[in-house]
Protein backbone atom coordinates (compact mmCIF):
# COMPACT_ATOMS: atom_id res chain seq x y z
CA UNK A 1 -3.44 32.22 -0.27
CA UNK A 2 -3.75 29.94 -3.25
CA UNK A 3 -5.46 31.05 -6.38
CA UNK A 4 -6.94 29.00 -9.16
CA UNK A 5 -7.48 29.27 -12.86
CA UNK A 6 -10.57 28.14 -14.68
CA UNK A 7 -11.12 27.41 -18.32
CA UNK A 8 -13.22 30.53 -18.42
CA UNK A 9 -10.35 32.34 -16.73
CA UNK A 10 -7.93 31.19 -19.39
CA UNK A 11 -9.89 33.21 -21.87
CA UNK A 12 -10.48 36.24 -19.67
CA UNK A 13 -7.23 36.08 -17.69
CA UNK A 14 -5.83 33.81 -15.02
CA UNK A 15 -5.94 34.65 -11.34
CA UNK A 16 -2.54 34.71 -9.67
CA UNK A 17 -0.91 31.50 -8.52
CA UNK A 18 0.68 32.05 -5.12
CA UNK A 19 3.26 30.17 -3.09
CA UNK A 20 2.25 28.04 -0.11
CA UNK A 21 4.16 26.30 2.65
CA UNK A 22 4.01 22.64 3.52
CA UNK A 23 4.62 20.92 0.20
CA UNK A 24 7.74 19.16 1.45
CA UNK A 25 5.60 16.47 3.03
CA UNK A 26 4.58 15.27 -0.41
CA UNK A 27 8.16 14.69 -1.45
CA UNK A 28 8.59 11.75 0.94
CA UNK A 29 12.37 12.03 1.02
CA UNK A 30 14.04 10.32 -1.92
CA UNK A 31 10.93 8.47 -3.08
CA UNK A 32 7.20 8.72 -2.80
CA UNK A 33 5.06 6.11 -1.11
CA UNK A 34 3.81 3.79 -3.81
CA UNK A 35 0.03 3.34 -3.85
CA UNK A 36 -2.79 3.64 -6.36
CA UNK A 37 -2.76 7.41 -6.17
CA UNK A 38 0.97 8.11 -5.93
CA UNK A 39 3.82 7.15 -8.21
CA UNK A 40 7.31 6.34 -7.11
CA UNK A 41 9.86 9.10 -7.62
CA UNK A 42 12.18 9.29 -10.60
CA UNK A 43 15.25 11.48 -10.95
CA UNK A 44 16.99 13.36 -13.72
CA UNK A 45 19.54 16.09 -14.25
CA UNK A 46 23.05 16.84 -12.99
CA UNK A 47 23.99 17.04 -9.31
CA UNK A 48 25.76 20.34 -9.94
CA UNK A 49 25.02 23.12 -12.38
CA UNK A 50 25.77 26.80 -12.88
CA UNK A 51 22.88 29.24 -12.89
CA UNK A 52 23.44 32.91 -13.63
CA UNK A 53 22.36 35.28 -10.86
CA UNK A 54 20.18 38.15 -12.10
CA UNK A 55 20.93 41.73 -11.14
CA UNK A 56 18.23 44.03 -9.86
CA UNK A 57 15.68 44.45 -7.11
CA UNK A 58 11.95 43.67 -7.00
CA UNK A 59 9.85 45.89 -9.28
CA UNK A 60 12.89 47.13 -11.24
CA UNK A 61 11.35 45.87 -14.44
CA UNK A 62 14.18 46.92 -16.73
CA UNK A 63 16.68 44.69 -14.89
CA UNK A 64 17.21 40.92 -15.19
CA UNK A 65 15.60 39.94 -11.87
CA UNK A 66 12.24 40.96 -13.34
CA UNK A 67 12.93 39.56 -16.82
CA UNK A 68 9.79 37.39 -16.77
CA UNK A 69 7.56 39.80 -14.87
CA UNK A 70 5.79 40.98 -17.99
CA UNK A 71 4.82 38.99 -21.00
CA UNK A 72 2.66 38.87 -24.08
CA UNK A 73 0.90 36.19 -26.10
CA UNK A 74 2.82 34.54 -28.91
CA UNK A 75 0.17 33.08 -31.22
CA UNK A 76 1.37 30.70 -33.90
CA UNK A 77 -0.35 29.65 -37.10
CA UNK A 78 -1.08 26.07 -37.95
CA UNK A 79 -0.56 23.01 -35.77
CA UNK A 80 1.44 23.49 -32.61
CA UNK A 81 4.99 22.12 -33.09
CA UNK A 82 4.76 20.08 -29.89
CA UNK A 83 2.41 17.72 -31.74
CA UNK A 84 5.14 16.68 -34.15
CA UNK A 85 7.94 16.41 -31.59
CA UNK A 86 8.95 13.07 -30.03
CA UNK A 87 6.85 12.30 -26.96
CA UNK A 88 8.91 12.36 -23.78
CA UNK A 89 8.69 8.96 -22.07
CA UNK A 90 11.36 9.47 -19.40
CA UNK A 91 11.54 12.44 -17.02
CA UNK A 92 14.14 14.91 -18.28
CA UNK A 93 15.66 17.95 -16.60
CA UNK A 94 18.67 20.20 -17.05
CA UNK A 95 19.08 20.45 -13.24
CA UNK A 96 19.08 17.78 -10.56
CA UNK A 97 15.48 16.98 -9.58
CA UNK A 98 13.36 14.09 -8.45
CA UNK A 99 9.72 14.03 -9.42
CA UNK A 100 6.60 12.10 -8.53
CA UNK A 101 2.88 12.54 -9.20
CA UNK A 102 -0.03 12.22 -6.80
CA UNK A 103 -3.76 12.28 -7.48
CA UNK A 104 -6.62 13.06 -5.13
CA UNK A 105 -10.26 12.97 -6.16
CA UNK A 106 -12.58 10.52 -7.85
CA UNK A 107 -13.45 9.24 -11.31
CA UNK A 108 -15.21 12.51 -12.12
CA UNK A 109 -12.80 15.17 -10.91
CA UNK A 110 -9.54 15.47 -9.04
CA UNK A 111 -6.17 17.17 -8.67
CA UNK A 112 -2.80 15.99 -9.90
CA UNK A 113 0.25 17.26 -8.04
CA UNK A 114 3.61 17.04 -9.80
CA UNK A 115 6.04 17.22 -6.89
CA UNK A 116 9.68 18.09 -7.49
CA UNK A 117 12.56 17.94 -5.02
CA UNK A 118 15.88 19.66 -5.62
CA UNK A 119 18.33 16.75 -5.50
CA UNK A 120 21.30 18.83 -6.58
CA UNK A 121 23.85 20.46 -4.31
CA UNK A 122 22.88 23.89 -5.68
CA UNK A 123 20.17 26.41 -4.86
CA UNK A 124 17.75 26.41 -7.78
CA UNK A 125 15.84 29.43 -9.03
CA UNK A 126 12.58 28.30 -10.62
CA UNK A 127 11.97 31.73 -12.13
CA UNK A 128 11.33 31.44 -15.89
CA UNK A 129 11.55 27.63 -15.76
CA UNK A 130 9.62 25.82 -18.49
CA UNK A 131 7.58 22.63 -17.96
CA UNK A 132 6.22 20.50 -20.78
CA UNK A 133 4.16 17.43 -19.89
CA UNK A 134 1.15 15.36 -20.91
CA UNK A 135 -2.01 14.89 -18.81
CA UNK A 136 -5.78 14.49 -19.29
CA UNK A 137 -7.31 17.17 -21.47
CA UNK A 138 -9.45 19.98 -20.13
CA UNK A 139 -7.66 21.02 -16.95
CA UNK A 140 -9.58 23.90 -15.40
CA UNK A 141 -7.41 24.64 -12.37
CA UNK A 142 -3.64 24.83 -12.19
CA UNK A 143 -0.90 26.57 -10.24
CA UNK A 144 2.35 26.42 -8.31
CA UNK A 145 3.28 25.93 -4.67
CA UNK A 146 6.59 25.72 -2.84
CA UNK A 147 8.20 25.24 0.54
CA UNK A 148 9.18 28.88 0.16
CA UNK A 149 6.25 30.67 1.79
CA UNK A 150 6.36 33.83 -0.25
CA UNK A 151 6.54 34.85 -3.84
CA UNK A 152 4.42 36.22 -6.63
CA UNK A 153 4.43 33.85 -9.62
CA UNK A 154 2.26 33.84 -12.67
CA UNK A 155 2.44 31.82 -15.85
CA UNK A 156 2.88 31.66 -19.58
CA UNK A 157 0.60 28.74 -20.33
CA UNK A 158 -0.80 26.66 -23.15
CA UNK A 159 -2.85 23.47 -23.45
CA UNK A 160 -2.44 21.60 -26.74
CA UNK A 161 -4.99 18.77 -27.13
CA UNK A 162 -3.72 15.60 -28.82
CA UNK A 163 -7.18 14.34 -29.74
CA UNK A 164 -6.84 11.16 -27.68
CA UNK A 165 -8.17 12.48 -24.37
CA UNK A 166 -4.78 13.87 -23.37
CA UNK A 167 -3.10 17.21 -23.91
CA UNK A 168 0.34 18.68 -23.78
CA UNK A 169 0.63 21.39 -21.13
CA UNK A 170 3.36 23.99 -21.63
CA UNK A 171 4.07 26.31 -18.71
CA UNK A 172 6.66 28.95 -17.92
CA UNK A 173 6.79 30.01 -14.24
CA UNK A 174 7.20 33.78 -14.02
CA UNK A 175 7.88 35.66 -10.79
CA UNK A 176 7.72 39.37 -10.04
CA UNK A 177 7.90 41.91 -7.23
CA UNK A 178 9.74 39.63 -4.78
CA UNK A 179 13.46 39.23 -3.96
CA UNK A 180 15.59 36.49 -5.46
CA UNK A 181 15.44 34.18 -2.43
CA UNK A 182 11.66 33.97 -2.75
CA UNK A 183 12.11 32.53 -6.24
CA UNK A 184 14.55 29.84 -5.11
CA UNK A 185 14.39 26.24 -3.91
CA UNK A 186 17.25 25.05 -1.71
CA UNK A 187 18.87 21.65 -1.98
CA UNK A 188 16.48 19.06 -0.56
CA UNK A 189 13.46 21.36 -0.71
CA UNK A 190 10.36 20.87 -2.83
CA UNK A 191 8.02 22.65 -5.18
CA UNK A 192 4.83 21.50 -6.87
CA UNK A 193 2.93 22.17 -10.05
CA UNK A 194 -0.70 21.13 -9.81
CA UNK A 195 -3.61 20.86 -12.20
CA UNK A 196 -7.16 19.63 -11.81
CA UNK A 197 -9.84 18.20 -14.04
CA UNK A 198 -11.53 14.99 -15.04
CA UNK A 199 -9.36 11.84 -15.06
CA UNK A 200 -8.99 9.89 -18.28
CA UNK A 201 -7.91 6.28 -18.66
CA UNK A 202 -5.90 7.31 -21.73
CA UNK A 203 -2.98 8.20 -19.44
CA UNK A 204 -1.71 6.84 -16.13
CA UNK A 205 -0.02 8.68 -13.28
CA UNK A 206 3.29 7.07 -14.22
CA UNK A 207 2.90 8.24 -17.81
CA UNK A 208 2.20 11.79 -16.64
CA UNK A 209 5.34 11.60 -14.48
CA UNK A 210 7.48 10.24 -17.29
CA UNK A 211 6.19 12.70 -19.87
CA UNK A 212 7.64 15.72 -18.12
CA UNK A 213 10.54 17.81 -19.34
CA UNK A 214 11.79 20.55 -17.01
CA UNK A 215 14.04 23.31 -18.32
CA UNK A 216 15.45 25.72 -15.75
CA UNK A 217 16.56 29.15 -16.94
CA UNK A 218 20.31 28.92 -16.41
CA UNK A 219 21.50 31.78 -18.63
CA UNK A 220 18.96 34.58 -17.96
CA UNK A 221 17.49 34.14 -21.44
CA UNK A 222 14.15 33.29 -19.81
CA UNK A 223 13.51 30.21 -22.00
CA UNK A 224 12.12 32.82 -24.34
CA UNK A 225 12.85 30.85 -27.51
CA UNK A 226 10.76 27.94 -26.19
CA UNK A 227 7.89 30.21 -25.12
CA UNK A 228 7.75 31.67 -28.62
CA UNK A 229 8.26 28.29 -30.29
CA UNK A 230 5.19 26.84 -28.57
CA UNK A 231 3.06 29.99 -28.78
CA UNK A 232 2.16 30.32 -25.11
CA UNK A 233 -0.30 32.82 -23.66
CA UNK A 234 0.49 35.15 -20.78
CA UNK A 235 -2.06 34.56 -18.07
CA UNK A 236 -3.01 37.72 -16.24
CA UNK A 237 -2.02 38.36 -12.67
């Protein structure tokens, strides 16, 4: 299954985003095929890293494995701080990843897929990872897929319009009710964040790619300080 969110759903609650198989084909090895609808791949982050392993079993909500299973909204007053922060112009990550962006659709509507491949020598848990990137405003469909067939992710999510036809999108990936291995991406494997909406000439695929900052949760602190800093909303399951 794959579920979708709509702009209406963002107000009333987001349907679950579920894991799917078969995304590895988009990764294209070390680089993506360069054409009008696909960027080349760029890489960032260290080849090795240390990521704390959470204790607990699925549905044990008081233990670290389920640390991001439940969440609340963190409204902030005034302008969102992301609007005053330096714009990321080169893909950044605290773990070894490559990333490229593909687009399918037309001038009226389409889907962007931000495809990551674990280029490190470590197994990466994407649980509680935070993504910040820029893309056309008004996305009405977004979610997560992976070469891992199973899992139960949801999101802490926020769109912050810039007023120029683009928005910042701030997303924390939150898993629950599945074992650790269903939250992980092995070395060489891929995962994808996708969003859909109307294209806008204010931003290119390469600029979307280069705007992204990926922060894996390495210390079991859930990227909580960033979630609260940006005032994300918990999207319902």
